[in-house]
Amino acid sequence: MRYLTTLCLMTVGLLAIVPVRADDGFVSLFDGKSLKGWDGNPAFWSVQDGAITGITTPENPTKGNTFLICRQGDVKDFELQLEYKIVGGNSGVQYRSFEVENSPWVVGGYQADFEAGKTYSGILYGERFRGILANRGQRTELTREDGKFKVNVVGSVGNSDSIQAQIKNEDWNTYTITARGFHFVHRINGVVTAECTDNDAQERRDSGIIALQLHAGPPMKVQFRNIRIKHFNAN
């Protein structure tokens, strides 16, 4: 009986450190109470009210964009869902991204943008990675012709102002990012905001890290919660 009790306790302990996979295939990346599994500058990042929180102030600004990096493995083909709230400034979610050498907590790659303003929420931006890749409302294809990178607008996913009208100011919104192959779709509150196919074989990325952005500039506060991912290439 003592052996059986010990075995049960060991099993419970093992289960406690294994990420819980929901019936829908999603795995949580944030435990709701700590930054376990995440890495960023503690001068800016903490957990408040059950949410990952990044804050800059006039007394404590960041000199450049700084990121909270997910240390739970690279991602490839996936759907990422999270809730965000922003007051001031702008932010974003990096995916299939890379760390900049000799620059702690600096990241480049594909970014699902959002902001306190009314223009850029939902776009696909290439942080240190070719600039704007799809504006809000656009369907784009990225190519390289005669050695020059080009963004080709090939269609529309909706009107930018109409999409903005579905985004709640200084309140919680749901962001969904889908990456399959080199096709990327962004959604906010269930509305498609941008779509992109990356045919630029020279620079496109098929895998990389996830990270959350805190932008340099005016004081701001950004929060993230209910961060979940489903890996399409998982067994």
C-alpha atoms as a PDB file:
ATOM      1  CA  MET A   1       0.000   0.000   0.000  1.00  0.00           C
ATOM      2  CA  ARG A   2       2.855   2.388   0.840  1.00  0.00           C
ATOM      3  CA  TYR A   3       4.460   1.631  -2.535  1.00  0.00           C
ATOM      4  CA  LEU A   4       1.177   2.240  -4.346  1.00  0.00           C
ATOM      5  CA  THR A   5       0.682   5.564  -2.564  1.00  0.00           C
ATOM      6  CA  THR A   6       4.196   6.686  -3.461  1.00  0.00           C
ATOM      7  CA  LEU A   7       3.675   5.680  -7.092  1.00  0.00           C
ATOM      8  CA  CYS A   8       0.422   7.650  -7.249  1.00  0.00           C
ATOM      9  CA  LEU A   9       2.095  10.759  -5.811  1.00  0.00           C
ATOM     10  CA  MET A  10       4.910  10.458  -8.358  1.00  0.00           C
ATOM     11  CA  THR A  11       2.372  10.154 -11.169  1.00  0.00           C
ATOM     12  CA  VAL A  12       0.465  13.235  -9.981  1.00  0.00           C
ATOM     13  CA  GLY A  13       3.741  15.165  -9.839  1.00  0.00           C
ATOM     14  CA  LEU A  14       4.562  14.220 -13.415  1.00  0.00           C
ATOM     15  CA  LEU A  15       1.117  15.197 -14.634  1.00  0.00           C
ATOM     16  CA  ALA A  16       1.477  18.578 -12.955  1.00  0.00           C
ATOM     17  CA  ILE A  17       4.397  19.593 -15.179  1.00  0.00           C
ATOM     18  CA  VAL A  18       3.003  18.325 -18.485  1.00  0.00           C
ATOM     19  CA  PRO A  19       1.078  20.948 -20.530  1.00  0.00           C
ATOM     20  CA  VAL A  20      -2.613  20.156 -20.549  1.00  0.00           C
ATOM     21  CA  ARG A  21      -4.033  19.550 -24.007  1.00  0.00           C
ATOM     22  CA  ALA A  22      -7.709  20.399 -24.325  1.00  0.00           C
ATOM     23  CA  ASP A  23     -10.198  18.262 -26.224  1.00  0.00           C
ATOM     24  CA  ASP A  24      -9.973  20.751 -29.122  1.00  0.00           C
ATOM     25  CA  GLY A  25      -6.219  20.172 -29.471  1.00  0.00           C
ATOM     26  CA  PHE A  26      -5.093  23.489 -27.971  1.00  0.00           C
ATOM     27  CA  VAL A  27      -2.322  23.739 -25.372  1.00  0.00           C
ATOM     28  CA  SER A  28      -2.018  26.663 -22.955  1.00  0.00           C
ATOM     29  CA  LEU A  29       1.209  28.712 -23.104  1.00  0.00           C
ATOM     30  CA  PHE A  30       0.442  30.832 -20.018  1.00  0.00           C
ATOM     31  CA  ASP A  31      -0.505  29.527 -16.580  1.00  0.00           C
ATOM     32  CA  GLY A  32      -2.367  32.699 -15.591  1.00  0.00           C
ATOM     33  CA  LYS A  33      -0.196  33.438 -12.574  1.00  0.00           C
ATOM     34  CA  SER A  34       3.505  33.498 -13.493  1.00  0.00           C
ATOM     35  CA  LEU A  35       5.934  34.076 -16.362  1.00  0.00           C
ATOM     36  CA  LYS A  36       7.077  30.443 -16.264  1.00  0.00           C
ATOM     37  CA  GLY A  37       8.052  29.474 -19.798  1.00  0.00           C
ATOM     38  CA  TRP A  38       8.557  33.106 -20.818  1.00  0.00           C
ATOM     39  CA  ASP A  39      11.667  35.316 -20.891  1.00  0.00           C
ATOM     40  CA  GLY A  40      11.780  39.117 -20.910  1.00  0.00           C
ATOM     41  CA  ASN A  41      13.153  42.199 -19.180  1.00  0.00           C
ATOM     42  CA  PRO A  42      11.679  42.160 -15.638  1.00  0.00           C
ATOM     43  CA  ALA A  43      11.793  45.957 -15.606  1.00  0.00           C
ATOM     44  CA  PHE A  44       8.821  45.905 -17.992  1.00  0.00           C
ATOM     45  CA  TRP A  45       7.054  42.527 -17.788  1.00  0.00           C
ATOM     46  CA  SER A  46       5.001  41.011 -14.965  1.00  0.00           C
ATOM     47  CA  VAL A  47       1.706  39.236 -14.298  1.00  0.00           C
ATOM     48  CA  GLN A  48      -1.165  41.423 -13.106  1.00  0.00           C
ATOM     49  CA  ASP A  49      -4.792  40.412 -12.629  1.00  0.00           C
ATOM     50  CA  GLY A  50      -4.178  37.049 -14.274  1.00  0.00           C
ATOM     51  CA  ALA A  51      -2.633  38.552 -17.425  1.00  0.00           C
ATOM     52  CA  ILE A  52       0.873  38.968 -18.822  1.00  0.00           C
ATOM     53  CA  THR A  53       1.447  42.712 -18.514  1.00  0.00           C
ATOM     54  CA  GLY A  54       3.973  44.992 -20.181  1.00  0.00           C
ATOM     55  CA  ILE A  55       4.260  48.617 -19.019  1.00  0.00           C
ATOM     56  CA  THR A  56       6.414  51.593 -19.918  1.00  0.00           C
ATOM     57  CA  THR A  57       6.238  54.959 -18.155  1.00  0.00           C
ATOM     58  CA  PRO A  58       7.934  58.357 -18.521  1.00  0.00           C
ATOM     59  CA  GLU A  59      10.229  57.304 -15.685  1.00  0.00           C
ATOM     60  CA  ASN A  60      10.828  53.820 -17.088  1.00  0.00           C
ATOM     61  CA  PRO A  61      10.844  53.903 -20.901  1.00  0.00           C
ATOM     62  CA  THR A  62      12.286  51.256 -23.182  1.00  0.00           C
ATOM     63  CA  LYS A  63      14.969  52.587 -25.528  1.00  0.00           C
ATOM     64  CA  GLY A  64      13.944  50.171 -28.266  1.00  0.00           C
ATOM     65  CA  ASN A  65      11.227  47.615 -28.903  1.00  0.00           C
ATOM     66  CA  THR A  66      11.545  44.879 -26.293  1.00  0.00           C
ATOM     67  CA  PHE A  67       9.928  41.442 -26.276  1.00  0.00           C
ATOM     68  CA  LEU A  68       8.726  38.752 -23.913  1.00  0.00           C
ATOM     69  CA  ILE A  69       9.912  35.527 -25.549  1.00  0.00           C
ATOM     70  CA  CYS A  70       8.103  32.212 -25.253  1.00  0.00           C
ATOM     71  CA  ARG A  71      10.653  29.526 -24.241  1.00  0.00           C
ATOM     72  CA  GLN A  72       8.308  26.606 -24.889  1.00  0.00           C
ATOM     73  CA  GLY A  73       9.678  25.573 -28.260  1.00  0.00           C
ATOM     74  CA  ASP A  74       9.626  26.799 -31.837  1.00  0.00           C
ATOM     75  CA  VAL A  75       6.401  26.812 -33.826  1.00  0.00           C
ATOM     76  CA  LYS A  76       5.775  25.810 -37.428  1.00  0.00           C
ATOM     77  CA  ASP A  77       2.187  25.233 -38.634  1.00  0.00           C
ATOM     78  CA  PHE A  78      -0.291  26.295 -35.964  1.00  0.00           C
ATOM     79  CA  GLU A  79      -3.281  28.277 -34.816  1.00  0.00           C
ATOM     80  CA  LEU A  80      -2.590  30.682 -31.952  1.00  0.00           C
ATOM     81  CA  GLN A  81      -5.421  32.238 -29.947  1.00  0.00           C
ATOM     82  CA  LEU A  82      -5.084  34.887 -27.252  1.00  0.00           C
ATOM     83  CA  GLU A  83      -6.848  37.841 -25.714  1.00  0.00           C
ATOM     84  CA  TYR A  84      -5.207  41.264 -25.562  1.00  0.00           C
ATOM     85  CA  LYS A  85      -5.916  44.710 -24.134  1.00  0.00           C
ATOM     86  CA  ILE A  86      -3.877  47.826 -24.876  1.00  0.00           C
ATOM     87  CA  VAL A  87      -3.866  51.345 -23.455  1.00  0.00           C
ATOM     88  CA  GLY A  88      -1.621  53.708 -25.418  1.00  0.00           C
ATOM     89  CA  GLY A  89       1.109  52.839 -27.900  1.00  0.00           C
ATOM     90  CA  ASN A  90       1.237  49.721 -30.059  1.00  0.00           C
ATOM     91  CA  SER A  91       2.225  46.108 -29.741  1.00  0.00           C
ATOM     92  CA  GLY A  92       2.092  42.789 -31.548  1.00  0.00           C
ATOM     93  CA  VAL A  93       2.582  39.050 -31.481  1.00  0.00           C
ATOM     94  CA  GLN A  94       5.714  37.675 -33.121  1.00  0.00           C
ATOM     95  CA  TYR A  95       5.572  34.210 -34.690  1.00  0.00           C
ATOM     96  CA  ARG A  96       8.038  32.013 -36.609  1.00  0.00           C
ATOM     97  CA  SER A  97      10.486  34.658 -35.447  1.00  0.00           C
ATOM     98  CA  PHE A  98      14.182  34.941 -34.570  1.00  0.00           C
ATOM     99  CA  GLU A  99      16.255  36.518 -31.813  1.00  0.00           C
ATOM    100  CA  VAL A 100      18.669  39.271 -32.860  1.00  0.00           C
ATOM    101  CA  GLU A 101      22.225  38.286 -32.028  1.00  0.00           C
ATOM    102  CA  ASN A 102      23.868  40.166 -29.137  1.00  0.00           C
ATOM    103  CA  SER A 103      20.639  42.077 -28.420  1.00  0.00           C
ATOM    104  CA  PRO A 104      18.792  40.637 -25.398  1.00  0.00           C
ATOM    105  CA  TRP A 105      15.016  40.418 -25.790  1.00  0.00           C
ATOM    106  CA  VAL A 106      15.102  41.812 -29.349  1.00  0.00           C
ATOM    107  CA  VAL A 107      13.154  39.797 -31.923  1.00  0.00           C
ATOM    108  CA  GLY A 108      12.456  39.940 -35.650  1.00  0.00           C
ATOM    109  CA  GLY A 109      10.010  38.106 -37.903  1.00  0.00           C
ATOM    110  CA  TYR A 110       6.324  37.927 -38.745  1.00  0.00           C
ATOM    111  CA  GLN A 111       4.202  40.074 -36.432  1.00  0.00           C
ATOM    112  CA  ALA A 112       0.451  40.264 -35.914  1.00  0.00           C
ATOM    113  CA  ASP A 113       0.134  43.957 -35.077  1.00  0.00           C
ATOM    114  CA  PHE A 114      -2.313  45.819 -32.861  1.00  0.00           C
ATOM    115  CA  GLU A 115      -2.389  49.293 -31.347  1.00  0.00           C
ATOM    116  CA  ALA A 116      -4.331  51.859 -29.344  1.00  0.00           C
ATOM    117  CA  GLY A 117      -4.888  53.804 -32.574  1.00  0.00           C
ATOM    118  CA  LYS A 118      -7.174  53.008 -35.484  1.00  0.00           C
ATOM    119  CA  THR A 119      -4.899  52.028 -38.391  1.00  0.00           C
ATOM    120  CA  TYR A 120      -2.610  49.069 -37.790  1.00  0.00           C
ATOM    121  CA  SER A 121      -4.492  46.550 -35.647  1.00  0.00           C
ATOM    122  CA  GLY A 122      -4.650  43.288 -37.584  1.00  0.00           C
ATOM    123  CA  ILE A 123      -1.922  43.949 -40.143  1.00  0.00           C
ATOM    124  CA  LEU A 124       0.998  41.616 -40.871  1.00  0.00           C
ATOM    125  CA  TYR A 125       4.256  43.422 -40.161  1.00  0.00           C
ATOM    126  CA  GLY A 126       7.789  42.164 -40.663  1.00  0.00           C
ATOM    127  CA  GLU A 127       9.768  43.353 -37.639  1.00  0.00           C
ATOM    128  CA  ARG A 128      13.380  43.670 -38.876  1.00  0.00           C
ATOM    129  CA  PHE A 129      11.957  41.546 -41.692  1.00  0.00           C
ATOM    130  CA  ARG A 130      10.839  43.472 -44.826  1.00  0.00           C
ATOM    131  CA  GLY A 131       8.366  45.940 -43.234  1.00  0.00           C
ATOM    132  CA  ILE A 132       4.593  45.901 -43.797  1.00  0.00           C
ATOM    133  CA  LEU A 133       3.632  42.626 -45.503  1.00  0.00           C
ATOM    134  CA  ALA A 134      -0.162  43.075 -45.545  1.00  0.00           C
ATOM    135  CA  ASN A 135      -2.147  46.127 -44.501  1.00  0.00           C
ATOM    136  CA  ARG A 136      -5.507  45.712 -42.839  1.00  0.00           C
ATOM    137  CA  GLY A 137      -8.117  44.521 -45.300  1.00  0.00           C
ATOM    138  CA  GLN A 138      -5.548  43.262 -47.794  1.00  0.00           C
ATOM    139  CA  ARG A 139      -4.822  39.851 -49.261  1.00  0.00           C
ATOM    140  CA  THR A 140      -1.201  39.866 -50.432  1.00  0.00           C
ATOM    141  CA  GLU A 141       1.427  37.691 -52.075  1.00  0.00           C
ATOM    142  CA  LEU A 142       5.095  38.307 -51.348  1.00  0.00           C
ATOM    143  CA  THR A 143       7.582  37.742 -54.175  1.00  0.00           C
ATOM    144  CA  ARG A 144      11.139  38.523 -55.155  1.00  0.00           C
ATOM    145  CA  GLU A 145      11.576  39.664 -58.744  1.00  0.00           C
ATOM    146  CA  ASP A 146      14.994  40.448 -60.242  1.00  0.00           C
ATOM    147  CA  GLY A 147      16.398  40.355 -56.718  1.00  0.00           C
ATOM    148  CA  LYS A 148      13.911  42.922 -55.393  1.00  0.00           C
ATOM    149  CA  PHE A 149      11.333  42.149 -52.728  1.00  0.00           C
ATOM    150  CA  LYS A 150       7.751  43.034 -53.651  1.00  0.00           C
ATOM    151  CA  VAL A 151       4.385  43.048 -51.870  1.00  0.00           C
ATOM    152  CA  ASN A 152       1.594  42.286 -54.359  1.00  0.00           C
ATOM    153  CA  VAL A 153      -1.971  43.142 -53.317  1.00  0.00           C
ATOM    154  CA  VAL A 154      -4.080  40.399 -54.907  1.00  0.00           C
ATOM    155  CA  GLY A 155      -7.422  40.894 -53.184  1.00  0.00           C
ATOM    156  CA  SER A 156      -9.369  42.141 -50.190  1.00  0.00           C
ATOM    157  CA  VAL A 157     -10.612  40.550 -46.973  1.00  0.00           C
ATOM    158  CA  GLY A 158     -12.760  43.542 -46.017  1.00  0.00           C
ATOM    159  CA  ASN A 159     -12.919  47.279 -45.460  1.00  0.00           C
ATOM    160  CA  SER A 160     -10.314  48.604 -43.007  1.00  0.00           C
ATOM    161  CA  ASP A 161     -12.716  51.000 -41.250  1.00  0.00           C
ATOM    162  CA  SER A 162     -15.364  48.292 -40.911  1.00  0.00           C
ATOM    163  CA  ILE A 163     -12.794  45.950 -39.378  1.00  0.00           C
ATOM    164  CA  GLN A 164     -11.679  48.660 -36.945  1.00  0.00           C
ATOM    165  CA  ALA A 165     -15.296  49.120 -35.842  1.00  0.00           C
ATOM    166  CA  GLN A 166     -15.255  45.525 -34.519  1.00  0.00           C
ATOM    167  CA  ILE A 167     -12.230  46.182 -32.252  1.00  0.00           C
ATOM    168  CA  LYS A 168     -12.920  47.262 -28.666  1.00  0.00           C
ATOM    169  CA  ASN A 169     -10.917  50.243 -27.402  1.00  0.00           C
ATOM    170  CA  GLU A 170      -8.994  49.733 -24.132  1.00  0.00           C
ATOM    171  CA  ASP A 171     -10.840  46.451 -23.617  1.00  0.00           C
ATOM    172  CA  TRP A 172     -10.245  42.758 -24.246  1.00  0.00           C
ATOM    173  CA  ASN A 173     -10.140  41.526 -27.842  1.00  0.00           C
ATOM    174  CA  THR A 174      -9.448  38.045 -29.216  1.00  0.00           C
ATOM    175  CA  TYR A 175      -6.585  37.627 -31.714  1.00  0.00           C
ATOM    176  CA  THR A 176      -6.291  34.466 -33.823  1.00  0.00           C
ATOM    177  CA  ILE A 177      -3.220  33.788 -35.963  1.00  0.00           C
ATOM    178  CA  THR A 178      -3.134  30.858 -38.390  1.00  0.00           C
ATOM    179  CA  ALA A 179       0.007  29.700 -40.213  1.00  0.00           C
ATOM    180  CA  ARG A 180      -0.127  26.795 -42.675  1.00  0.00           C
ATOM    181  CA  GLY A 181       2.835  26.406 -44.949  1.00  0.00           C
ATOM    182  CA  PHE A 182       3.547  29.959 -46.074  1.00  0.00           C
ATOM    183  CA  HIS A 183      -0.059  31.125 -45.855  1.00  0.00           C
ATOM    184  CA  PHE A 184      -0.954  33.385 -42.915  1.00  0.00           C
ATOM    185  CA  VAL A 185      -4.343  34.645 -41.727  1.00  0.00           C
ATOM    186  CA  HIS A 186      -5.013  37.145 -38.929  1.00  0.00           C
ATOM    187  CA  ARG A 187      -8.385  37.529 -37.209  1.00  0.00           C
ATOM    188  CA  ILE A 188      -9.530  39.885 -34.450  1.00  0.00           C
ATOM    189  CA  ASN A 189     -12.795  39.035 -32.704  1.00  0.00           C
ATOM    190  CA  GLY A 190     -13.464  36.470 -35.417  1.00  0.00           C
ATOM    191  CA  VAL A 191     -13.090  38.967 -38.285  1.00  0.00           C
ATOM    192  CA  VAL A 192     -10.366  38.364 -40.883  1.00  0.00           C
ATOM    193  CA  THR A 193      -8.087  41.409 -40.850  1.00  0.00           C
ATOM    194  CA  ALA A 194      -5.286  40.379 -43.240  1.00  0.00           C
ATOM    195  CA  GLU A 195      -4.159  37.422 -45.318  1.00  0.00           C
ATOM    196  CA  CYS A 196      -0.757  36.762 -46.854  1.00  0.00           C
ATOM    197  CA  THR A 197       1.063  34.132 -48.902  1.00  0.00           C
ATOM    198  CA  ASP A 198       4.849  34.392 -48.684  1.00  0.00           C
ATOM    199  CA  ASN A 199       6.451  33.260 -51.943  1.00  0.00           C
ATOM    200  CA  ASP A 200       9.744  35.037 -51.189  1.00  0.00           C
ATOM    201  CA  ALA A 201      11.913  31.914 -50.958  1.00  0.00           C
ATOM    202  CA  GLN A 202      14.961  33.995 -50.034  1.00  0.00           C
ATOM    203  CA  GLU A 203      13.607  35.339 -46.721  1.00  0.00           C
ATOM    204  CA  ARG A 204      10.394  33.543 -45.751  1.00  0.00           C
ATOM    205  CA  ARG A 205      10.465  31.505 -42.550  1.00  0.00           C
ATOM    206  CA  ASP A 206       8.923  28.099 -41.946  1.00  0.00           C
ATOM    207  CA  SER A 207       9.488  28.014 -38.155  1.00  0.00           C
ATOM    208  CA  GLY A 208      10.625  30.088 -35.194  1.00  0.00           C
ATOM    209  CA  ILE A 209       9.690  31.514 -31.815  1.00  0.00           C
ATOM    210  CA  ILE A 210       6.643  33.288 -30.424  1.00  0.00           C
ATOM    211  CA  ALA A 211       7.133  36.606 -28.621  1.00  0.00           C
ATOM    212  CA  LEU A 212       5.055  39.526 -27.327  1.00  0.00           C
ATOM    213  CA  GLN A 213       6.041  43.114 -28.105  1.00  0.00           C
ATOM    214  CA  LEU A 214       6.345  46.199 -25.922  1.00  0.00           C
ATOM    215  CA  HIS A 215       6.981  49.154 -28.217  1.00  0.00           C
ATOM    216  CA  ALA A 216       9.360  52.043 -27.706  1.00  0.00           C
ATOM    217  CA  GLY A 217       7.831  55.519 -27.612  1.00  0.00           C
ATOM    218  CA  PRO A 218       4.970  56.971 -25.566  1.00  0.00           C
ATOM    219  CA  PRO A 219       4.017  55.310 -22.248  1.00  0.00           C
ATOM    220  CA  MET A 220       1.799  52.279 -22.732  1.00  0.00           C
ATOM    221  CA  LYS A 221       0.284  49.224 -21.087  1.00  0.00           C
ATOM    222  CA  VAL A 222      -0.437  45.967 -22.871  1.00  0.00           C
ATOM    223  CA  GLN A 223      -1.900  42.761 -21.442  1.00  0.00           C
ATOM    224  CA  PHE A 224      -2.302  39.195 -22.728  1.00  0.00           C
ATOM    225  CA  ARG A 225      -4.286  36.269 -21.350  1.00  0.00           C
ATOM    226  CA  ASN A 226      -5.744  32.895 -22.397  1.00  0.00           C
ATOM    227  CA  ILE A 227      -2.800  32.212 -24.720  1.00  0.00           C
ATOM    228  CA  ARG A 228      -3.379  28.858 -26.447  1.00  0.00           C
ATOM    229  CA  ILE A 229      -1.849  27.107 -29.433  1.00  0.00           C
ATOM    230  CA  LYS A 230      -2.758  24.154 -31.632  1.00  0.00           C
ATOM    231  CA  HIS A 231       0.071  22.590 -33.652  1.00  0.00           C
ATOM    232  CA  PHE A 232      -1.154  21.296 -37.006  1.00  0.00           C
ATOM    233  CA  ASN A 233       1.997  19.226 -37.479  1.00  0.00           C
ATOM    234  CA  ALA A 234       1.746  17.548 -34.044  1.00  0.00           C
ATOM    235  CA  ASN A 235       1.222  13.813 -33.865  1.00  0.00           C
END
